[in-house]
Amino acid sequence: NGYTATGSFQTTITCQAPTSPTGSATTATTANISWTAPGIPPSNGYQYAVTTSATPPGSGTPFAGTSTSVSGLTANTTYYLHVRSDCGAGDYSSWATSAAFTTPCNPSSLPWTENFDGVTIPAFPSCWKKENGDWGTTNNSSSSFDADARSGTQFLRDAYSATNEYMWTPGFTMTAGNTYEFKFWWAGDNYSGWTGDVFVNSAQNSSGATQLGTSFVTSGTTTTKTYVQETYSFTPGTTGDYYFAIRVNATGVPWYLSFDDFEVVELPLCSGTPAPGNTNASSTTICSGGTANLSLQNDYSGFIGITYQWYNSSGAIGGATS
């Protein structure tokens, strides 16, 4: 009455899950999503869902392929992609979930300023991004080895032994051909060893970033705790969103580099007919070989696209020199 079992058997999962789900934000409200088909492709395609929770949902959006784009997302929000195979007749695989991805912030409007007094230290203002290093916000009572705030009581600071430490501003929508100014105030700690540079990029990271101008401080310069304002101009060749960054490098000798009162402005374009008004001279009479200083009654130095012309004559004006 006995039975003898021989051989072996193995159960097979009839509906296999997709692998390598990936989500990548493309704008503040859109993202690209993709996954890899399993060894046995499902007969009914897939279901996917993009949610703010790492826990898979109860169901998803039917889809036949393995990559698509999604819209209607919220700016500055972390999301997860969930995807599963649909093998028909109510037979689904387990969910596969991607690593988290975050949509960027909406662009900030211009003119824009930031003095860090509205944050809870050591956090950054919303939509700023640190790339490497120990950047942080702090206040006047934190240390005697920095410059304290230029305005208010809080400021941005980076510390010694820095290697390519970037701090990125929020993004700004800029028009091709227009000129913009990125301004900030910085102060040192009475030590040398600091190198500071400014960059701009269409993404909030250093990959492919363009350096603007020259270094605002070099390692051989002994800094002071007196704040100095720096202004960097940028004229984009393509309309789009752009981000500015400060990059700090430092030896192990100094202590802190302090920053405060950031600003981004768009320079107004020259339009219509300029009205410089009267030309004012430092002297109403002048002898042969003498000099006089001339100035315009109306100052247009804050505009772009303007050139001035002058003419020297003892009689009526008959021409001008650029």
Protein backbone atom coordinates (compact mmCIF):
# COMPACT_ATOMS: atom_id res chain seq x y z
CA ASN A 1 0.00 0.00 0.00
CA GLY A 2 2.99 2.32 -0.03
CA TYR A 3 3.95 4.91 -2.68
CA THR A 4 7.43 6.00 -3.69
CA ALA A 5 8.02 9.55 -5.03
CA THR A 6 10.60 10.02 -7.73
CA GLY A 7 11.88 13.10 -9.61
CA SER A 8 11.19 16.75 -8.70
CA PHE A 9 8.97 19.61 -9.75
CA GLN A 10 9.14 23.42 -9.63
CA THR A 11 6.32 25.92 -9.48
CA THR A 12 6.41 28.74 -12.06
CA ILE A 13 5.16 32.27 -11.61
CA THR A 14 2.82 32.72 -14.53
CA CYS A 15 2.81 36.54 -14.42
CA GLN A 16 6.28 37.96 -14.03
CA ALA A 17 6.93 41.50 -12.77
CA PRO A 18 8.77 44.11 -14.87
CA THR A 19 12.20 45.24 -13.69
CA SER A 20 14.26 48.44 -13.45
CA PRO A 21 11.44 50.99 -13.10
CA THR A 22 12.83 54.52 -13.47
CA GLY A 23 11.34 57.99 -13.14
CA SER A 24 13.04 61.24 -14.14
CA ALA A 25 11.54 64.73 -13.88
CA THR A 26 11.73 66.77 -17.08
CA THR A 27 9.99 69.94 -15.84
CA ALA A 28 8.28 71.08 -12.65
CA THR A 29 5.12 69.20 -13.69
CA THR A 30 6.26 66.41 -16.07
CA ALA A 31 8.46 63.32 -15.96
CA ASN A 32 9.65 60.45 -18.15
CA ILE A 33 9.05 56.93 -16.83
CA SER A 34 10.26 53.54 -18.09
CA TRP A 35 10.79 49.91 -17.10
CA THR A 36 12.15 46.65 -18.55
CA ALA A 37 9.83 43.88 -19.73
CA PRO A 38 10.08 40.53 -17.90
CA GLY A 39 11.39 37.37 -19.56
CA ILE A 40 7.82 36.35 -20.39
CA PRO A 41 6.08 39.54 -21.57
CA PRO A 42 2.54 39.97 -20.18
CA SER A 43 -0.32 39.38 -22.60
CA ASN A 44 -2.25 42.46 -21.45
CA GLY A 45 0.59 44.96 -21.05
CA TYR A 46 1.13 46.79 -17.78
CA GLN A 47 -0.37 49.04 -15.17
CA TYR A 48 1.63 51.99 -13.82
CA ALA A 49 1.11 54.69 -11.22
CA VAL A 50 3.20 57.72 -10.20
CA THR A 51 2.52 58.61 -6.58
CA THR A 52 4.08 60.47 -3.67
CA SER A 53 4.16 57.26 -1.58
CA ALA A 54 6.69 54.42 -1.78
CA THR A 55 3.82 52.02 -1.07
CA PRO A 56 2.23 50.65 -4.29
CA PRO A 57 -1.42 51.58 -4.98
CA GLY A 58 -4.32 49.20 -5.52
CA SER A 59 -4.41 49.70 -9.29
CA GLY A 60 -2.81 51.74 -12.03
CA THR A 61 -3.14 53.14 -15.56
CA PRO A 62 -3.17 50.46 -18.32
CA PHE A 63 -0.32 50.82 -20.81
CA ALA A 64 1.03 48.57 -23.57
CA GLY A 65 4.64 49.79 -23.85
CA THR A 66 7.58 50.15 -21.49
CA SER A 67 8.18 53.93 -21.52
CA THR A 68 6.04 57.06 -21.57
CA SER A 69 5.76 60.54 -20.08
CA VAL A 70 3.43 61.78 -17.38
CA SER A 71 2.12 65.27 -16.66
CA GLY A 72 0.11 67.02 -13.97
CA LEU A 73 2.78 66.60 -11.30
CA THR A 74 3.43 69.15 -8.57
CA ALA A 75 6.59 71.25 -8.49
CA ASN A 76 9.24 70.50 -5.86
CA THR A 77 7.66 67.17 -4.92
CA THR A 78 9.11 63.67 -4.49
CA TYR A 79 7.50 60.87 -6.51
CA TYR A 80 7.76 57.10 -7.06
CA LEU A 81 6.91 55.04 -10.12
CA HIS A 82 5.01 51.78 -9.52
CA VAL A 83 4.47 49.30 -12.36
CA ARG A 84 3.14 45.74 -12.66
CA SER A 85 2.40 43.24 -15.42
CA ASP A 86 -1.17 42.51 -16.50
CA CYS A 87 -1.44 38.91 -17.70
CA GLY A 88 -5.22 39.00 -18.27
CA ALA A 89 -8.21 37.54 -16.48
CA GLY A 90 -7.31 39.39 -13.29
CA ASP A 91 -3.81 37.91 -13.11
CA TYR A 92 -1.27 40.57 -12.12
CA SER A 93 2.35 40.41 -11.09
CA SER A 94 3.70 42.02 -7.96
CA TRP A 95 4.46 45.75 -8.14
CA ALA A 96 7.95 47.02 -8.98
CA THR A 97 8.78 50.42 -7.46
CA SER A 98 11.41 52.91 -8.60
CA ALA A 99 13.78 54.95 -6.54
CA ALA A 100 12.43 58.36 -5.56
CA PHE A 101 12.69 61.26 -8.01
CA THR A 102 11.87 64.92 -7.37
CA THR A 103 10.36 67.53 -9.65
CA PRO A 104 12.16 70.89 -9.75
CA CYS A 105 10.66 74.10 -8.42
CA ASN A 106 8.72 76.51 -10.56
CA PRO A 107 10.94 79.38 -11.72
CA SER A 108 11.20 82.35 -9.36
CA SER A 109 9.91 85.70 -10.61
CA LEU A 110 12.19 88.68 -11.19
CA PRO A 111 13.41 90.85 -9.59
CA TRP A 112 14.42 88.38 -6.87
CA THR A 113 16.20 88.75 -3.53
CA GLU A 114 17.21 86.47 -0.65
CA ASN A 115 18.75 87.38 2.73
CA PHE A 116 18.18 84.05 4.60
CA ASP A 117 16.33 85.60 7.54
CA GLY A 118 13.18 83.59 6.78
CA VAL A 119 14.70 80.10 7.14
CA THR A 120 15.20 77.82 10.11
CA ILE A 121 18.97 77.37 10.34
CA PRO A 122 20.86 75.39 9.12
CA ALA A 123 18.29 74.71 6.35
CA PHE A 124 18.37 76.44 2.97
CA PRO A 125 15.58 78.54 1.49
CA SER A 126 13.09 76.63 -0.62
CA CYS A 127 14.43 75.54 -4.02
CA TRP A 128 18.11 76.20 -3.24
CA LYS A 129 20.39 73.19 -3.74
CA LYS A 130 23.75 72.23 -2.26
CA GLU A 131 26.16 70.28 -4.47
CA ASN A 132 28.99 68.95 -2.26
CA GLY A 133 30.40 70.33 0.94
CA ASP A 134 29.06 71.66 4.20
CA TRP A 135 27.14 74.75 3.12
CA GLY A 136 24.56 75.90 5.63
CA THR A 137 22.69 78.89 6.96
CA THR A 138 23.63 80.23 10.35
CA ASN A 139 23.23 83.27 12.59
CA ASN A 140 25.38 85.92 14.22
CA SER A 141 25.85 84.00 17.47
CA SER A 142 27.20 80.78 15.91
CA SER A 143 30.89 81.68 15.62
CA SER A 144 33.42 84.47 16.05
CA PHE A 145 35.40 83.20 13.04
CA ASP A 146 32.95 84.43 10.39
CA ALA A 147 31.66 87.82 9.28
CA ASP A 148 28.09 87.55 10.66
CA ALA A 149 25.13 88.72 8.57
CA ARG A 150 25.30 91.78 6.35
CA SER A 151 21.57 92.43 6.87
CA GLY A 152 19.30 90.91 9.48
CA THR A 153 20.76 88.17 11.69
CA GLN A 154 21.12 85.13 9.39
CA PHE A 155 23.33 84.38 6.40
CA LEU A 156 24.78 81.63 4.19
CA ARG A 157 28.19 80.13 5.02
CA ASP A 158 30.72 77.58 3.74
CA ALA A 159 33.63 76.14 5.72
CA TYR A 160 37.32 75.36 5.21
CA SER A 161 38.79 72.31 3.39
CA ALA A 162 36.34 72.78 0.52
CA THR A 163 36.62 70.97 -2.82
CA ASN A 164 34.29 72.10 -5.61
CA GLU A 165 31.45 72.95 -3.24
CA TYR A 166 28.54 74.51 -5.17
CA MET A 167 25.49 76.31 -3.86
CA TRP A 168 22.73 76.71 -6.48
CA THR A 169 20.01 79.34 -6.49
CA PRO A 170 16.43 78.67 -7.59
CA GLY A 171 15.74 78.84 -11.32
CA PHE A 172 14.71 81.90 -13.32
CA THR A 173 13.05 82.05 -16.74
CA MET A 174 15.26 84.18 -19.00
CA THR A 175 14.77 85.47 -22.53
CA ALA A 176 17.40 85.00 -25.22
CA GLY A 177 19.30 88.23 -25.92
CA ASN A 178 18.28 89.98 -22.70
CA THR A 179 20.89 90.71 -20.05
CA TYR A 180 20.54 89.69 -16.39
CA GLU A 181 22.65 90.50 -13.33
CA PHE A 182 23.40 88.06 -10.50
CA LYS A 183 24.49 89.96 -7.40
CA PHE A 184 25.57 88.93 -3.91
CA TRP A 185 27.64 90.15 -0.96
CA TRP A 186 30.48 88.08 0.53
CA ALA A 187 33.01 88.41 3.34
CA GLY A 188 35.94 86.35 4.55
CA ASP A 189 37.55 85.61 7.90
CA ASN A 190 40.88 87.49 7.79
CA TYR A 191 42.59 84.43 6.30
CA SER A 192 43.75 83.46 2.80
CA GLY A 193 43.20 80.11 1.09
CA TRP A 194 39.77 80.78 -0.45
CA THR A 195 38.85 80.56 -4.15
CA GLY A 196 35.34 81.61 -5.20
CA ASP A 197 33.76 81.39 -8.64
CA VAL A 198 30.32 81.91 -10.19
CA PHE A 199 28.56 79.58 -12.63
CA VAL A 200 25.30 79.43 -14.59
CA ASN A 201 23.51 76.40 -16.01
CA SER A 202 20.17 75.27 -17.40
CA ALA A 203 20.08 72.55 -14.73
CA GLN A 204 20.69 72.79 -11.00
CA ASN A 205 24.03 70.99 -11.09
CA SER A 206 27.60 71.59 -12.29
CA SER A 207 27.50 69.20 -15.27
CA GLY A 208 27.94 71.41 -18.34
CA ALA A 209 27.82 74.63 -16.28
CA THR A 210 29.44 77.81 -17.64
CA GLN A 211 31.72 79.95 -15.50
CA LEU A 212 30.89 83.66 -15.45
CA GLY A 213 33.68 86.21 -15.33
CA THR A 214 36.69 85.73 -13.08
CA SER A 215 37.08 84.51 -9.50
CA PHE A 216 35.73 86.93 -6.91
CA VAL A 217 38.43 85.74 -4.49
CA THR A 218 41.64 83.78 -5.06
CA SER A 219 43.62 81.65 -2.63
CA GLY A 220 46.50 84.10 -2.35
CA THR A 221 44.26 86.93 -1.16
CA THR A 222 43.93 87.62 2.56
CA THR A 223 40.23 88.17 3.09
CA THR A 224 38.54 90.52 5.55
CA LYS A 225 35.26 90.41 7.44
CA THR A 226 34.00 93.44 5.51
CA TYR A 227 31.29 92.55 2.99
CA VAL A 228 31.92 93.24 -0.71
CA GLN A 229 29.24 93.12 -3.42
CA GLU A 230 29.88 91.16 -6.62
CA THR A 231 27.90 91.56 -9.86
CA TYR A 232 27.98 89.04 -12.73
CA SER A 233 26.17 89.62 -16.03
CA PHE A 234 24.60 86.87 -18.13
CA THR A 235 22.93 87.05 -21.56
CA PRO A 236 21.37 83.70 -22.53
CA GLY A 237 21.51 82.55 -26.13
CA THR A 238 18.36 80.47 -25.70
CA THR A 239 15.15 81.28 -23.82
CA GLY A 240 14.69 78.93 -20.86
CA ASP A 241 15.20 78.38 -17.14
CA TYR A 242 18.64 79.09 -15.68
CA TYR A 243 20.32 78.66 -12.28
CA PHE A 244 23.29 80.49 -10.74
CA ALA A 245 25.87 78.94 -8.43
CA ILE A 246 28.76 79.93 -6.22
CA ARG A 247 31.61 77.42 -6.15
CA VAL A 248 34.02 77.46 -3.22
CA ASN A 249 37.41 75.79 -2.92
CA ALA A 250 39.54 76.22 0.19
CA THR A 251 42.58 74.86 1.96
CA GLY A 252 42.45 73.71 5.56
CA VAL A 253 43.83 77.03 6.84
CA PRO A 254 40.86 79.45 6.82
CA TRP A 255 37.58 79.19 8.73
CA TYR A 256 34.43 80.44 6.99
CA LEU A 257 33.31 82.32 3.90
CA SER A 258 30.05 84.24 4.46
CA PHE A 259 27.37 85.29 1.93
CA ASP A 260 24.26 87.46 2.18
CA ASP A 261 21.75 89.58 0.24
CA PHE A 262 21.51 87.78 -3.10
CA GLU A 263 19.74 89.42 -6.03
CA VAL A 264 18.85 88.64 -9.66
CA VAL A 265 17.54 91.43 -11.90
CA GLU A 266 16.82 91.86 -15.59
CA LEU A 267 18.34 94.95 -17.13
CA PRO A 268 15.73 96.99 -19.01
CA LEU A 269 16.12 97.30 -22.77
CA CYS A 270 16.52 100.68 -24.42
CA SER A 271 13.35 101.61 -26.33
CA GLY A 272 11.96 104.73 -27.90
CA THR A 273 14.00 107.93 -28.17
CA PRO A 274 16.43 108.57 -25.26
CA ALA A 275 16.16 111.98 -23.64
CA PRO A 276 19.55 112.66 -22.01
CA GLY A 277 18.63 116.23 -21.20
CA ASN A 278 21.26 118.91 -20.73
CA THR A 279 24.97 118.23 -20.66
CA ASN A 280 26.46 119.57 -17.46
CA ALA A 281 30.06 120.84 -17.43
CA SER A 282 32.29 121.12 -14.41
CA SER A 283 33.32 124.57 -15.60
CA THR A 284 31.47 127.17 -17.67
CA THR A 285 34.71 128.60 -19.07
CA ILE A 286 37.91 126.89 -20.08
CA CYS A 287 41.28 128.05 -21.39
CA SER A 288 43.11 126.50 -24.32
CA GLY A 289 44.60 123.15 -23.30
CA GLY A 290 42.42 122.89 -20.23
CA THR A 291 39.97 120.11 -19.29
CA ALA A 292 36.40 119.92 -18.08
CA ASN A 293 34.25 117.03 -16.87
CA LEU A 294 30.95 116.50 -18.69
CA SER A 295 27.91 114.62 -17.36
CA LEU A 296 24.39 113.94 -18.62
CA GLN A 297 21.41 115.25 -16.73
CA ASN A 298 19.53 111.96 -17.23
CA ASP A 299 21.56 108.82 -16.47
CA TYR A 300 20.81 105.74 -18.62
CA SER A 301 23.62 103.57 -17.27
CA GLY A 302 21.10 101.07 -15.87
CA PHE A 303 19.87 100.19 -19.35
CA ILE A 304 21.39 98.01 -22.05
CA GLY A 305 21.68 98.69 -25.77
CA ILE A 306 22.62 102.36 -25.31
CA THR A 307 25.61 104.18 -26.80
CA TYR A 308 26.50 107.81 -26.28
CA GLN A 309 27.81 110.33 -28.81
CA TRP A 310 29.70 113.57 -28.21
CA TYR A 311 30.73 116.51 -30.33
CA ASN A 312 33.30 119.20 -29.64
CA SER A 313 32.67 122.51 -31.40
CA SER A 314 32.95 126.22 -30.77
CA GLY A 315 29.87 126.79 -32.89
CA ALA A 316 26.68 124.95 -33.75
CA ILE A 317 26.68 121.15 -33.48
CA GLY A 318 27.14 119.64 -36.92
CA GLY A 319 28.08 116.03 -36.13
CA ALA A 320 28.84 113.60 -33.36
CA THR A 321 31.42 110.99 -32.38
CA SER A 322 30.38 107.66 -30.78
